[in-house]
Protein backbone atom coordinates (compact mmCIF):
# COMPACT_ATOMS: atom_id res chain seq x y z
CA MET A 1 105.47 45.50 199.85
CA ALA A 2 108.55 46.39 197.78
CA GLY A 3 108.14 49.02 195.07
CA ASP A 4 108.02 48.65 191.27
CA VAL A 5 105.68 45.67 191.62
CA VAL A 6 101.97 45.66 190.73
CA TRP A 7 99.93 43.71 193.30
CA THR A 8 96.35 42.56 193.68
CA ALA A 9 94.75 42.09 197.09
CA GLU A 10 94.53 38.35 196.47
CA GLN A 11 98.25 38.14 195.77
CA ARG A 12 99.14 40.10 198.90
CA GLY A 13 97.15 37.59 200.95
CA LYS A 14 99.38 34.70 199.82
CA VAL A 15 102.69 36.18 201.02
CA TYR A 16 104.35 34.48 203.99
CA SER A 17 104.60 36.70 207.07
CA THR A 18 107.69 38.21 208.63
CA ARG A 19 107.89 40.20 211.85
CA ALA A 20 108.34 43.37 209.81
CA ARG A 21 105.54 42.53 207.38
CA VAL A 22 102.75 40.54 209.01
CA ASN A 23 100.16 39.09 206.66
CA PRO A 24 96.89 38.48 208.59
CA ASP A 25 95.82 35.92 206.01
CA HIS A 26 98.89 33.74 206.63
CA LEU A 27 97.30 32.04 209.65
CA THR A 28 93.85 31.67 208.10
CA GLU A 29 93.14 31.53 204.37
CA GLY A 30 96.79 31.21 203.42
CA LEU A 31 97.25 27.84 205.13
CA GLU A 32 94.12 26.27 203.63
CA ARG A 33 93.82 23.80 206.50
CA GLY A 34 90.34 24.05 208.00
CA PRO A 35 88.97 24.34 211.54
CA CYS A 36 91.96 23.12 213.52
CA TRP A 37 94.30 25.53 211.82
CA LEU A 38 91.93 28.41 212.40
CA ALA A 39 91.81 27.45 216.08
CA ALA A 40 95.60 27.67 216.16
CA ALA A 41 95.65 31.34 215.24
CA PRO A 42 96.17 33.44 218.37
CA PRO A 43 94.53 33.37 220.85
CA PHE A 44 94.98 29.61 221.00
CA ASP A 45 92.14 27.27 221.91
CA ALA A 46 93.93 24.28 223.46
CA ALA A 47 90.80 22.21 224.07
CA ARG A 48 89.61 22.56 220.50
CA CYS A 49 93.04 21.79 219.09
CA PHE A 50 93.38 18.70 221.29
CA ALA A 51 89.98 17.42 220.20
CA VAL A 52 90.96 17.63 216.54
CA ALA A 53 94.48 16.26 217.02
CA ARG A 54 93.17 13.16 218.81
CA ASP A 55 90.04 12.77 216.69
CA LYS A 56 90.22 9.12 215.67
CA SER A 57 87.86 9.71 212.76
CA ARG A 58 90.52 11.83 211.01
CA HIS A 59 92.83 8.89 210.40
CA ASP A 60 92.91 5.09 210.59
CA GLY A 61 93.89 4.99 214.25
CA GLU A 62 93.25 1.32 214.92
CA TYR A 63 95.41 0.29 211.98
CA ALA A 64 98.17 2.61 213.22
CA VAL A 65 97.92 1.15 216.75
CA GLY A 66 98.18 -2.40 215.43
CA ALA A 67 101.12 -1.49 213.21
CA ALA A 68 102.95 0.20 216.10
CA GLU A 69 102.38 -2.73 218.50
CA LYS A 70 103.46 -5.27 215.89
CA GLY A 71 106.50 -3.22 214.91
CA ALA A 72 107.76 -2.68 218.46
CA ARG A 73 109.37 -6.13 218.53
CA HIS A 74 111.68 -5.07 215.67
CA ALA A 75 112.79 -1.76 217.20
CA GLU A 76 115.76 -0.93 219.39
CA PRO A 77 114.69 -1.29 223.07
CA SER A 78 114.49 2.44 223.77
CA MET A 79 112.53 3.06 220.58
CA ALA A 80 110.23 0.09 221.25
CA GLU A 81 109.46 1.44 224.73
CA LEU A 82 108.78 4.93 223.34
CA GLY A 83 106.47 3.55 220.67
CA LEU A 84 104.44 1.56 223.21
CA ARG A 85 104.13 4.64 225.44
CA ALA A 86 102.76 6.55 222.48
CA VAL A 87 100.22 3.79 221.81
CA ALA A 88 99.15 3.78 225.48
CA LEU A 89 98.57 7.54 225.52
CA TYR A 90 96.66 7.36 222.25
CA ARG A 91 94.42 4.60 223.59
CA SER A 92 93.75 6.40 226.85
CA GLY A 93 92.35 9.48 225.12
CA GLU A 94 93.67 11.57 228.02
CA ARG A 95 95.06 15.07 227.71
CA PRO A 96 98.14 15.33 230.00
CA ASP A 97 98.65 18.48 232.05
CA ARG A 98 102.18 18.65 230.65
CA LEU A 99 103.06 17.11 227.30
CA ASP A 100 105.91 14.63 227.02
CA LEU A 101 107.83 15.86 223.95
CA ASP A 102 109.21 12.47 222.91
CA VAL A 103 105.84 10.75 223.26
CA GLU A 104 104.03 13.46 221.27
CA VAL A 105 106.62 13.26 218.52
CA ALA A 106 106.44 9.45 218.50
CA MET A 107 102.66 9.62 218.11
CA ALA A 108 103.10 11.81 215.04
CA GLU A 109 105.82 9.63 213.56
CA LEU A 110 103.81 6.44 214.12
CA GLN A 111 100.79 8.12 212.51
CA LEU A 112 98.71 8.04 215.69
CA GLN A 113 98.06 11.72 215.10
CA ARG A 114 98.55 13.84 212.01
CA THR A 115 101.44 16.27 212.25
CA TRP A 116 99.38 19.13 210.83
CA ASP A 117 96.81 18.53 213.57
CA ALA A 118 99.41 18.04 216.31
CA VAL A 119 101.34 21.26 215.70
CA PRO A 120 98.42 23.58 216.56
CA PHE A 121 97.77 21.53 219.71
CA TRP A 122 101.44 21.75 220.72
CA LEU A 123 101.40 25.50 220.16
CA ALA A 124 98.23 25.87 222.19
CA ALA A 125 99.39 23.62 225.06
CA GLU A 126 103.10 24.35 225.36
CA GLY A 127 103.99 27.41 223.27
CA VAL A 128 106.13 28.16 220.25
CA ALA A 129 109.60 27.30 221.63
CA TRP A 130 108.42 23.86 222.85
CA THR A 131 106.77 23.25 219.47
CA LEU A 132 109.98 24.13 217.66
CA ARG A 133 111.86 21.61 219.82
CA ALA A 134 109.23 18.99 218.95
CA MET A 135 109.56 19.71 215.24
CA LEU A 136 113.33 19.38 215.45
CA ARG A 137 112.98 16.10 217.34
CA LEU A 138 110.52 14.86 214.72
CA HIS A 139 113.24 15.30 212.09
CA GLU A 140 115.60 13.12 214.13
CA LEU A 141 113.21 10.17 213.95
CA ALA A 142 111.80 8.10 211.14
CA HIS A 143 109.80 4.91 210.92
CA ASN A 144 110.95 1.79 209.17
CA GLN A 145 108.69 2.28 206.15
CA HIS A 146 110.68 5.37 205.16
CA GLU A 147 113.51 2.98 204.38
CA VAL A 148 111.70 -0.06 202.98
CA HIS A 149 108.45 1.39 201.69
CA TYR A 150 109.01 -0.25 198.31
CA ASP A 151 109.89 -3.69 199.71
CA PRO A 152 106.83 -5.98 200.03
CA ARG A 153 108.67 -8.23 202.48
CA TRP A 154 108.06 -5.61 205.17
CA GLN A 155 104.44 -4.94 204.32
CA TRP A 156 103.04 -6.84 207.30
CA SER A 157 105.89 -6.31 209.77
CA GLY A 158 104.36 -3.29 211.45
CA ARG A 159 105.76 0.20 211.96
CA TRP A 160 108.54 1.09 214.37
CA LEU A 161 110.70 4.07 215.26
CA ILE A 162 114.28 4.56 214.07
CA GLU A 163 116.59 7.29 215.34
CA THR A 164 118.10 8.84 212.19
CA THR A 165 118.34 12.12 210.27
CA ALA A 166 118.74 10.32 206.95
CA HIS A 167 115.18 11.17 205.95
CA ALA A 168 115.21 14.82 207.00
CA SER A 169 114.46 16.03 203.49
CA SER A 170 111.29 13.98 203.17
CA GLN A 171 110.40 14.85 206.77
CA VAL A 172 110.57 18.58 205.97
CA THR A 173 108.24 17.97 203.05
CA GLU A 174 105.79 15.97 205.15
CA CYS A 175 105.88 18.60 207.90
CA ALA A 176 105.78 21.63 205.59
CA PRO A 177 102.33 22.83 206.79
CA GLY A 178 103.65 22.80 210.36
CA TRP A 179 106.72 24.84 209.39
CA ARG A 180 104.50 27.33 207.57
CA LEU A 181 102.29 27.66 210.63
CA LEU A 182 105.36 28.18 212.83
CA ARG A 183 106.53 30.98 210.56
CA GLY A 184 103.18 32.72 210.86
CA VAL A 185 103.06 32.32 214.65
CA LEU A 186 106.64 33.53 215.12
CA ALA A 187 105.83 36.62 213.05
CA VAL A 188 103.28 37.71 215.67
CA ALA A 189 104.87 36.20 218.81
CA ASP A 190 105.85 38.53 221.66
CA GLU A 191 109.53 39.39 222.02
CA ALA A 192 110.18 36.95 224.87
CA ASP A 193 108.65 33.96 223.03
CA HIS A 194 110.43 34.86 219.81
CA ARG A 195 113.76 35.24 221.61
CA GLU A 196 113.36 31.85 223.32
CA ALA A 197 112.47 30.10 220.05
CA ARG A 198 115.36 31.74 218.22
CA ALA A 199 117.75 30.51 220.92
CA VAL A 200 116.46 26.96 220.34
CA ALA A 201 117.12 27.28 216.62
CA ALA A 202 120.53 28.89 217.03
CA ALA A 203 121.69 26.09 219.35
CA VAL A 204 121.21 23.40 216.67
CA PHE A 205 121.66 25.28 213.41
CA ASP A 206 125.35 24.58 212.81
CA THR A 207 125.01 20.79 213.17
CA ALA A 208 121.56 20.37 211.63
CA PRO A 209 121.08 18.53 208.31
CA VAL A 210 120.66 20.81 205.29
CA PRO A 211 116.86 20.34 205.08
CA VAL A 212 116.45 21.31 208.75
CA LYS A 213 118.70 24.35 208.22
CA ALA A 214 116.39 25.35 205.38
CA ALA A 215 113.32 24.97 207.60
CA LEU A 216 114.90 27.01 210.40
CA SER A 217 115.87 29.80 208.02
CA PHE A 218 112.32 29.73 206.67
CA VAL A 219 110.68 30.21 210.07
CA PHE A 220 113.23 32.90 210.98
CA PRO A 221 113.26 34.78 207.65
CA ASP A 222 115.13 37.78 209.07
CA GLU A 223 118.19 35.59 209.64
CA ARG A 224 119.63 36.10 206.14
CA GLU A 225 122.99 34.63 207.14
CA TRP A 226 121.29 31.36 208.13
CA ALA A 227 119.45 31.21 204.82
CA ASP A 228 122.56 31.91 202.76
CA ARG A 229 124.56 29.27 204.62
CA ALA A 230 121.75 26.73 204.18
CA ALA A 231 121.48 27.56 200.47
CA GLU A 232 125.24 27.15 199.95
CA ASP A 233 125.15 23.80 201.76
CA CYS A 234 122.18 22.70 199.66
CA LEU A 235 123.94 23.68 196.44
CA ALA A 236 127.16 21.95 197.49
CA GLN A 237 125.74 18.80 199.09
CA GLY A 238 122.38 18.30 197.43
CA GLY A 239 119.68 16.79 199.59
CA GLY A 240 117.17 19.43 198.72
CA SER A 241 113.63 18.29 198.06
CA ASP A 242 111.32 20.70 196.23
CA GLU A 243 109.98 21.92 199.59
CA VAL A 244 113.50 22.60 200.86
CA VAL A 245 114.32 24.66 197.76
CA ARG A 246 111.07 26.59 198.10
CA MET A 247 111.95 27.48 201.67
CA LEU A 248 115.41 28.68 200.67
CA VAL A 249 114.21 30.75 197.70
CA THR A 250 111.93 32.75 200.01
CA THR A 251 114.76 33.58 202.42
CA ALA A 252 118.23 33.34 200.79
CA GLY A 253 119.89 36.03 198.70
CA VAL A 254 118.86 36.49 195.08
CA ASP A 255 122.17 35.15 193.72
CA ARG A 256 121.72 31.90 195.61
CA GLY A 257 118.04 31.74 194.77
CA GLU A 258 118.91 32.03 191.10
CA ARG A 259 121.31 29.08 191.31
CA LEU A 260 118.78 26.97 193.19
CA VAL A 261 116.08 27.71 190.63
CA GLU A 262 118.37 26.81 187.74
CA ARG A 263 118.73 23.37 189.33
CA GLN A 264 115.06 22.82 190.32
CA PRO A 265 112.85 25.31 188.43
CA GLY A 266 109.64 23.32 188.61
CA CYS A 267 109.49 23.34 192.40
CA LEU A 268 108.39 26.96 192.84
CA ASP A 269 104.80 27.59 193.91
CA GLU A 270 102.83 30.82 194.01
CA ALA A 271 103.38 31.57 197.70
CA THR A 272 107.15 31.23 197.18
CA LEU A 273 107.17 33.50 194.13
CA LEU A 274 104.99 36.13 195.79
CA THR A 275 107.02 36.09 199.01
CA LEU A 276 110.18 36.53 196.97
CA LEU A 277 108.60 39.50 195.15
CA ALA A 278 107.42 41.03 198.43
CA ARG A 279 110.92 40.76 199.88
CA GLU A 280 113.02 41.80 196.88
CA GLY A 281 110.66 43.82 194.70
CA ALA A 282 112.18 44.36 191.25
CA GLY A 283 115.32 42.65 192.52
CA ALA A 284 113.54 39.31 192.20
CA ALA A 285 113.69 39.51 188.39
CA PRO A 286 116.90 37.40 188.00
CA VAL A 287 115.34 34.50 189.94
CA LEU A 288 112.13 34.63 187.90
CA ASP A 289 114.14 34.90 184.69
CA ALA A 290 116.19 31.85 185.68
CA ALA A 291 112.95 29.95 186.30
CA LEU A 292 111.71 31.01 182.85
CA ARG A 293 114.88 29.85 181.14
CA HIS A 294 115.04 26.50 182.90
CA ALA A 295 111.34 25.61 182.97
CA ARG A 296 110.47 22.12 181.74
CA GLY A 297 107.64 23.32 179.49
CA ASN A 298 105.65 26.36 178.45
CA ASN A 299 102.77 25.85 180.90
CA GLU A 300 105.27 25.97 183.74
CA ARG A 301 107.04 28.87 182.02
CA LEU A 302 103.79 30.84 181.83
CA VAL A 303 103.46 30.79 185.64
CA PHE A 304 106.90 32.37 186.01
CA ALA A 305 106.22 34.90 183.25
CA ARG A 306 103.05 36.06 185.03
CA HIS A 307 105.03 36.81 188.16
CA LEU A 308 107.85 38.50 186.24
CA ALA A 309 105.16 40.64 184.57
CA MET A 310 104.22 42.00 188.01
CA ILE A 311 107.52 43.93 187.92
CA ARG A 312 107.35 47.21 186.01
CA THR A 313 110.98 48.09 185.36
CA PRO A 314 113.10 48.27 182.17
CA ASP A 315 115.09 45.24 183.33
CA ALA A 316 112.00 43.05 183.77
CA ALA A 317 110.54 44.35 180.50
CA GLU A 318 113.67 43.38 178.59
CA ARG A 319 113.68 39.92 180.11
CA LEU A 320 110.04 39.41 179.11
CA ALA A 321 110.54 40.81 175.61
CA ALA A 322 113.10 38.08 174.92
CA TRP A 323 110.21 35.57 174.96
CA ARG A 324 107.94 37.32 172.45
CA ASP A 325 108.41 34.57 169.89
CA ASN A 326 107.08 32.00 172.34
CA ARG A 327 103.48 31.37 171.25
CA ARG A 328 102.30 30.43 174.76
CA LEU A 329 103.77 33.54 176.39
CA ALA A 330 103.14 36.07 173.61
CA PRO A 331 99.61 37.19 174.69
CA LEU A 332 100.79 37.86 178.24
CA ILE A 333 103.81 39.82 177.01
CA GLU A 334 101.79 41.92 174.56
CA ASP A 335 99.32 42.76 177.33
CA TYR A 336 102.24 43.76 179.57
CA PHE A 337 103.49 46.29 177.01
CA ARG A 338 99.98 47.58 176.34
CA GLN A 339 99.75 48.42 180.03
CA ALA A 340 103.30 49.77 180.24
CA PRO A 341 104.23 51.09 176.76
CA HIS A 342 106.99 53.25 178.25
CA LEU A 343 108.90 50.04 179.08
CA GLU A 344 108.97 48.81 175.48
CA PRO A 345 112.67 48.09 174.81
CA SER A 346 114.36 49.31 171.67
CA PRO A 347 114.98 46.62 169.03
CA SER A 348 118.69 46.64 169.83
CA GLY A 349 117.97 46.03 173.51
CA VAL A 350 115.99 42.82 173.05
CA SER A 351 117.87 39.63 173.65
CA GLU A 352 116.27 37.34 171.08
CA PRO A 353 116.14 33.67 171.98
CA SER A 354 118.38 31.59 169.80
CA VAL A 355 116.48 29.65 167.14
CA PRO A 356 118.38 26.87 165.41
CA ALA A 357 118.55 26.91 161.64
CA GLU A 358 115.72 24.94 160.06
CA ASP A 359 116.79 21.90 158.10
CA THR A 360 114.75 19.25 156.37
CA THR A 361 114.42 17.05 159.46
CA ALA A 362 113.50 19.95 161.73
CA ALA A 363 110.92 21.23 159.25
CA ALA A 364 109.36 17.78 158.97
CA LEU A 365 109.11 17.38 162.74
CA THR A 366 107.70 20.88 163.22
CA GLY A 367 105.18 20.26 160.45
CA LEU A 368 104.07 17.00 162.06
CA PHE A 369 103.16 18.73 165.31
CA GLU A 370 101.62 21.75 163.57
CA GLU A 371 99.29 19.42 161.67
CA TYR A 372 98.28 17.79 164.94
CA ARG A 373 97.77 21.21 166.56
CA THR A 374 95.47 22.27 163.72
CA TRP A 375 93.45 19.06 163.97
CA TYR A 376 93.10 19.38 167.76
CA ARG A 377 91.89 22.98 167.57
CA GLU A 378 89.43 22.22 164.78
CA HIS A 379 88.05 18.92 166.12
CA TRP A 380 88.72 18.54 169.84
CA VAL A 381 88.39 22.07 171.19
CA PRO A 382 84.79 22.32 169.83
CA LYS A 383 83.98 19.04 171.62
CA LEU A 384 85.26 20.49 174.89
CA LEU A 385 83.18 23.64 174.37
CA ASP A 386 80.09 21.56 173.56
CA ASP A 387 80.67 19.62 176.79
CA GLY A 388 80.24 22.79 178.84
CA TRP A 389 83.73 24.23 179.10
CA GLU A 390 84.18 27.98 178.57
CA GLU A 391 86.97 29.10 176.27
CA GLU A 392 88.46 31.17 179.09
CA GLU A 393 88.59 28.06 181.29
CA LEU A 394 90.31 26.07 178.54
CA ASP A 395 92.86 28.84 178.10
CA GLU A 396 93.53 28.94 181.84
CA GLU A 397 94.04 25.17 181.92
CA GLY A 398 96.31 25.35 178.86
CA TRP A 399 93.93 23.12 176.89
CA LEU A 400 93.44 25.27 173.79
CA ASP A 401 96.82 24.38 172.35
CA PRO A 402 97.92 20.72 172.58
CA VAL A 403 101.58 21.56 171.93
CA GLY A 404 101.63 24.86 173.81
CA ASP A 405 103.67 23.41 176.67
CA LEU A 406 106.35 21.94 174.39
CA SER A 407 109.47 24.08 174.32
CA PRO A 408 112.84 23.65 172.51
CA VAL A 409 115.73 22.48 174.65
CA ALA A 410 118.94 24.51 175.04
CA GLU A 411 122.02 23.15 173.28
CA GLU A 412 123.94 22.91 176.57
CA ASP A 413 121.25 20.60 178.00
CA ILE A 414 121.48 18.37 174.92
CA THR A 415 125.28 18.30 175.21
CA ALA A 416 125.04 17.32 178.87
CA LEU A 417 122.67 14.47 177.96
CA GLU A 418 125.11 13.22 175.32
CA ALA A 419 127.91 13.28 177.87
CA ARG A 420 125.84 10.83 179.93
CA PHE A 421 124.36 8.56 177.22
CA GLY A 422 126.58 9.11 174.15
CA PRO A 423 125.72 10.70 170.78
CA LEU A 424 121.97 11.04 170.25
CA PRO A 425 120.25 9.91 167.04
CA ALA A 426 119.82 12.76 164.54
CA ASP A 427 116.00 12.77 164.53
CA TYR A 428 115.73 12.81 168.32
CA ARG A 429 118.35 15.55 168.56
CA ALA A 430 116.46 17.63 165.99
CA PHE A 431 113.24 16.99 167.90
CA LEU A 432 114.76 18.36 171.11
CA ARG A 433 116.06 21.47 169.31
CA THR A 434 112.90 22.33 167.40
CA VAL A 435 109.86 20.77 169.11
CA GLY A 436 111.31 20.17 172.57
CA THR A 437 110.00 18.71 175.79
CA GLY A 438 107.04 19.25 178.06
CA THR A 439 103.46 18.04 178.12
CA LEU A 440 101.55 17.05 174.98
CA LEU A 441 97.76 17.03 175.19
CA GLN A 442 95.68 14.39 173.49
CA PRO A 443 91.95 13.60 173.43
CA MET A 444 90.50 11.01 175.74
CA GLU A 445 86.97 9.68 176.03
CA ALA A 446 85.24 10.84 179.18
CA LEU A 447 84.28 8.36 181.88
CA PRO A 448 80.53 8.03 182.49
CA GLY A 449 79.28 11.10 184.33
CA ALA A 450 82.66 12.85 184.14
CA ALA A 451 83.55 16.01 182.26
CA LEU A 452 85.43 15.69 178.99
CA GLU A 453 89.08 16.66 179.30
CA PRO A 454 92.36 15.84 177.56
CA THR A 455 94.99 13.49 178.90
CA THR A 456 98.71 14.14 178.77
CA GLN A 457 101.94 12.61 177.52
CA ASN A 458 105.19 13.92 178.93
CA PHE A 459 108.34 14.28 176.83
CA ILE A 460 111.10 14.20 179.44
CA HIS A 461 113.52 17.13 179.65
CA PRO A 462 117.19 16.07 179.27
CA ALA A 463 117.95 17.27 182.81
CA ASP A 464 115.35 14.80 184.13
CA ILE A 465 116.31 11.83 181.96
CA PRO A 466 119.09 10.49 184.25
CA GLY A 467 116.59 10.34 187.12
CA ALA A 468 113.99 8.64 184.92
CA HIS A 469 116.67 6.18 183.78
CA ALA A 470 117.42 5.33 187.42
CA VAL A 471 113.73 4.60 188.02
CA TYR A 472 113.54 2.49 184.86
CA THR A 473 116.63 0.40 185.67
CA LYS A 474 115.42 -0.15 189.23
CA TRP A 475 112.45 -2.05 187.79
CA LEU A 476 114.64 -4.17 185.50
CA HIS A 477 114.94 -7.28 187.63
CA ASP A 478 116.89 -10.31 186.45
CA GLY A 479 114.04 -11.76 184.41
CA TRP A 480 114.17 -8.88 181.94
CA HIS A 481 117.92 -9.29 181.43
CA GLU A 482 117.60 -13.05 180.99
CA GLU A 483 114.85 -12.68 178.39
CA ASN A 484 116.94 -10.19 176.40
CA GLU A 485 120.39 -11.75 176.76
CA GLY A 486 122.18 -11.49 173.43
CA VAL A 487 119.33 -9.38 172.02
CA ALA A 488 119.63 -6.00 173.71
CA ASP A 489 121.39 -4.31 176.60
CA LEU A 490 118.35 -2.88 178.35
CA THR A 491 120.44 -0.59 180.57
CA LYS A 492 121.50 1.37 177.48
CA MET A 493 117.90 2.22 176.64
CA MET A 494 116.99 5.80 177.57
CA PRO A 495 113.54 7.02 178.68
CA VAL A 496 112.36 9.88 176.46
CA MET A 497 108.68 9.95 177.38
CA GLY A 498 106.76 8.97 180.50
CA HIS A 499 103.01 8.46 180.76
CA ASP A 500 102.58 8.47 184.52
CA GLY A 501 104.33 8.14 187.87
CA HIS A 502 104.59 4.35 187.75
CA ALA A 503 107.74 3.81 185.65
CA ASN A 504 105.98 3.23 182.33
CA PHE A 505 108.26 4.69 179.67
CA VAL A 506 108.85 5.19 175.99
CA LEU A 507 112.49 4.19 175.52
CA LEU A 508 115.05 5.12 172.88
CA SER A 509 117.02 1.97 172.10
CA LEU A 510 120.60 3.37 171.74
CA GLN A 511 122.14 -0.05 171.19
CA HIS A 512 124.63 1.54 168.82
CA GLU A 513 125.36 5.03 167.54
CA GLY A 514 122.43 6.36 165.51
CA ASP A 515 120.02 3.70 166.86
CA ASP A 516 116.75 5.65 167.08
CA ARG A 517 114.38 2.71 167.54
CA VAL A 518 111.63 3.28 170.09
CA HIS A 519 110.13 0.75 172.51
CA VAL A 520 107.08 1.17 174.74
CA TRP A 521 107.81 -0.46 178.10
CA TRP A 522 105.48 -1.27 181.01
CA HIS A 523 107.13 -1.97 184.34
CA ASP A 524 104.43 -4.31 185.64
CA GLU A 525 104.37 -6.70 182.69
CA GLU A 526 105.96 -10.12 182.87
CA PRO A 527 109.55 -10.01 181.56
CA GLU A 528 109.65 -10.55 177.83
CA ARG A 529 111.92 -10.03 174.88
CA MET A 530 111.90 -6.46 173.65
CA ASP A 531 110.29 -6.04 170.26
CA ASP A 532 112.20 -4.63 167.30
CA GLY A 533 110.79 -1.17 167.86
CA ILE A 534 110.20 1.49 165.22
CA ALA A 535 112.16 4.57 164.14
CA PHE A 536 111.69 7.66 166.32
CA ARG A 537 110.00 9.76 163.65
CA ASP A 538 107.66 6.90 162.74
CA PHE A 539 106.82 6.56 166.43
CA LEU A 540 105.86 10.23 166.63
CA ARG A 541 103.67 9.90 163.56
CA THR A 542 101.99 6.76 164.96
CA MET A 543 101.47 8.36 168.37
CA LEU A 544 99.80 11.47 166.92
CA ASP A 545 97.63 9.33 164.65
CA ARG A 546 96.48 7.29 167.67
CA ALA A 547 95.81 10.51 169.57
CA ARG A 548 93.35 11.55 166.86
CA ARG A 549 91.53 8.28 167.54
CA GLU A 550 91.48 8.95 171.31
CA TRP A 551 93.84 6.12 172.22
CA THR A 552 95.33 7.14 175.54
CA TYR A 553 98.79 5.56 175.29
CA PRO A 554 101.06 5.24 172.28
CA GLY A 555 101.53 1.69 171.17
CA ILE A 556 103.69 0.44 168.31
């Protein structure tokens, strides 16, 4: 591992392997996949892997067969024939002496076998280069429900194959366990197998879609040029799912990793962060610092701070010290300097975070949330402790402080939001600057037999609001516009808070400059005329009052 970084044995076990630095845990505990994955660690057990891959109890095989047979009549002739061959092989239960690559891939795409079960079988039966070809072919196919999964008209039309790379990004995400397994196997493959697999990758790299380039650079992490080219393409063209960005951060140069993280900070997981640290050592600090600065809330920020705190250099110490005023991060930072007092920066060396001047509005908003925080800690935390939770567990979950995840938004992010939606109402703007966005905790009654725990409300970060607005407007079918004709332009309304993943939003009205009325909107209700709403600050006060009464969603 690179120097200037403090490691635990558990952390070392989560690092992705390279040929120069093999992690024995990568192919076992690190993949967290169960018996079939363990069987796929060398030496391979082909019979055992086949039994699991074709085990009909592991998925709804009969439904998948029916869907594939019904869908074949909609497919192009060559794709229909391939789909029916896949169904026939599945039904036979036979294990061919030599695998047909297209048929195996079709079985995975038509959900006749799970990809994460198929990959170990392919490795065991045909080797790593063949498996890489199969994975690449898998990303050239899709099934119709990738394109119309939200359209109920196609619900009963079956499932059929389409030849396209348009869904490569989602395919990389779906196949991520297989790519991780390939990386681990290639790290320990003999030179001949590795050379053959690399030749397969090199032959397609230049013309591959960006997500596939990212996956190839991930499984060949020593090919830094591939990773840097894939990262530049991703930054220029987009098309990077969270999984794609994770792959690139572990392999591309730090400067590119920093730019990727600034765009998608919330995508990083522990294996990515630890692999980055193992590769770059103290040089990973700029990427972790970028993740800290662009995190969507303090709970997310704490994860990045913990990994930055593994680095014991003056540069990392100064970056951490800049966050001392952050209540959620302060205990971690003080512990860091207790362990490494020699890294304590001089007062002139600390880059203090900018804190906007307090005005009457800002003070009122801050006071509102401080009052709620005090109530929560005095009334709700004791209930959690009485229900059997340990204080250490609550702290680890982030449940001791209901506003601990909320973090002020940078002025440039607010300015960018105004460029998209126009001038923001004064109270909402002050809220972003002083209270911020992230997850708010609120009490919720426990279901019978379940442990007591808080629920969450999410104040949307300005960088995520355009995407939330696109989801919201997608659900605004004609009935909503007809009901509100002459009353409100619903497309102007801007989501500022989301309760869940089903397009239920708290909307800021924005019908005219300074319009800070709030509406609570449910996507699955019958179209109706929007109510008059209430002022933003009154909404906050009402929401926090309802939270004290354990009402799980803010009404008006």
